[in-house]
Amino acid sequence: MTAKIEAIGFTATHDGEVALAVLLRFPNGGTSQVQILSEDVAKVLKNANVAAANDLVGMPWSVLNI
């Protein structure tokens, strides 16, 4: 099994820019948060074939690989 996207939010980067915060849930119950920079969000959505960031919830983490 692979990690799944559990939740989506927003966060600020060290440079003060907005990034998509993606909470991943692993099969063993562990979690991790990754950030997707604003300039990469459209690429992730296209890769996942969805129209909005919230549509990523429930998908495998591999859709974040752009």
Protein backbone atom coordinates (compact mmCIF):
# COMPACT_ATOMS: atom_id res chain seq x y z
CA MET A 1 0.00 0.00 0.00
CA THR A 2 1.03 3.59 -0.48
CA ALA A 3 0.50 6.85 1.35
CA LYS A 4 -2.73 8.69 0.57
CA ILE A 5 -3.55 12.37 0.65
CA GLU A 6 -5.64 12.94 3.76
CA ALA A 7 -6.08 16.72 3.85
CA ILE A 8 -5.23 19.89 1.98
CA GLY A 9 -4.52 23.33 3.42
CA PHE A 10 -2.36 26.37 2.87
CA THR A 11 0.85 27.47 4.53
CA ALA A 12 3.49 30.14 4.15
CA THR A 13 6.97 29.30 2.88
CA HIS A 14 10.18 30.67 4.36
CA ASP A 15 10.05 33.32 1.64
CA GLY A 16 6.56 34.42 2.71
CA GLU A 17 4.85 32.90 -0.32
CA VAL A 18 1.71 30.77 -0.16
CA ALA A 19 2.12 27.02 -0.65
CA LEU A 20 -0.31 24.12 -0.71
CA ALA A 21 0.09 22.04 2.44
CA VAL A 22 -0.63 18.36 1.80
CA LEU A 23 -1.11 15.95 4.71
CA LEU A 24 -0.15 12.38 3.83
CA ARG A 25 -1.36 9.33 5.78
CA PHE A 26 0.77 6.18 5.58
CA PRO A 27 -0.57 2.62 5.88
CA ASN A 28 1.01 2.27 9.34
CA GLY A 29 -0.96 5.31 10.56
CA GLY A 30 1.91 7.78 10.40
CA THR A 31 1.50 11.17 8.82
CA SER A 32 3.72 13.67 7.06
CA GLN A 33 3.12 17.10 5.59
CA VAL A 34 4.62 18.27 2.32
CA GLN A 35 4.42 21.64 0.63
CA ILE A 36 3.67 22.27 -3.02
CA LEU A 37 4.84 25.70 -4.16
CA SER A 38 2.15 27.87 -5.72
CA GLU A 39 3.81 27.75 -9.15
CA ASP A 40 3.60 23.93 -9.11
CA VAL A 41 -0.03 23.52 -7.99
CA ALA A 42 -1.44 23.64 -11.53
CA LYS A 43 1.01 20.92 -12.62
CA VAL A 44 -0.07 18.69 -9.71
CA LEU A 45 -3.76 19.21 -10.50
CA LYS A 46 -3.15 18.35 -14.15
CA ASN A 47 -1.13 15.26 -13.18
CA ALA A 48 -3.98 14.09 -10.93
CA ASN A 49 -6.62 15.02 -13.54
CA VAL A 50 -8.62 17.13 -11.07
CA ALA A 51 -9.88 20.71 -11.14
CA ALA A 52 -9.38 21.75 -7.50
CA ALA A 53 -6.89 21.02 -4.74
CA ASN A 54 -9.57 19.51 -2.47
CA ASP A 55 -10.15 16.87 -5.16
CA LEU A 56 -6.70 15.46 -4.31
CA VAL A 57 -7.96 14.10 -0.98
CA GLY A 58 -8.04 10.30 -1.06
CA MET A 59 -5.58 10.02 -3.95
CA PRO A 60 -2.20 8.31 -3.68
CA TRP A 61 0.71 10.60 -2.87
CA SER A 62 2.30 9.74 -6.23
CA VAL A 63 0.06 12.31 -7.96
CA LEU A 64 2.26 14.96 -6.33
CA ASN A 65 5.24 13.79 -8.36
CA ILE A 66 5.55 16.31 -11.20
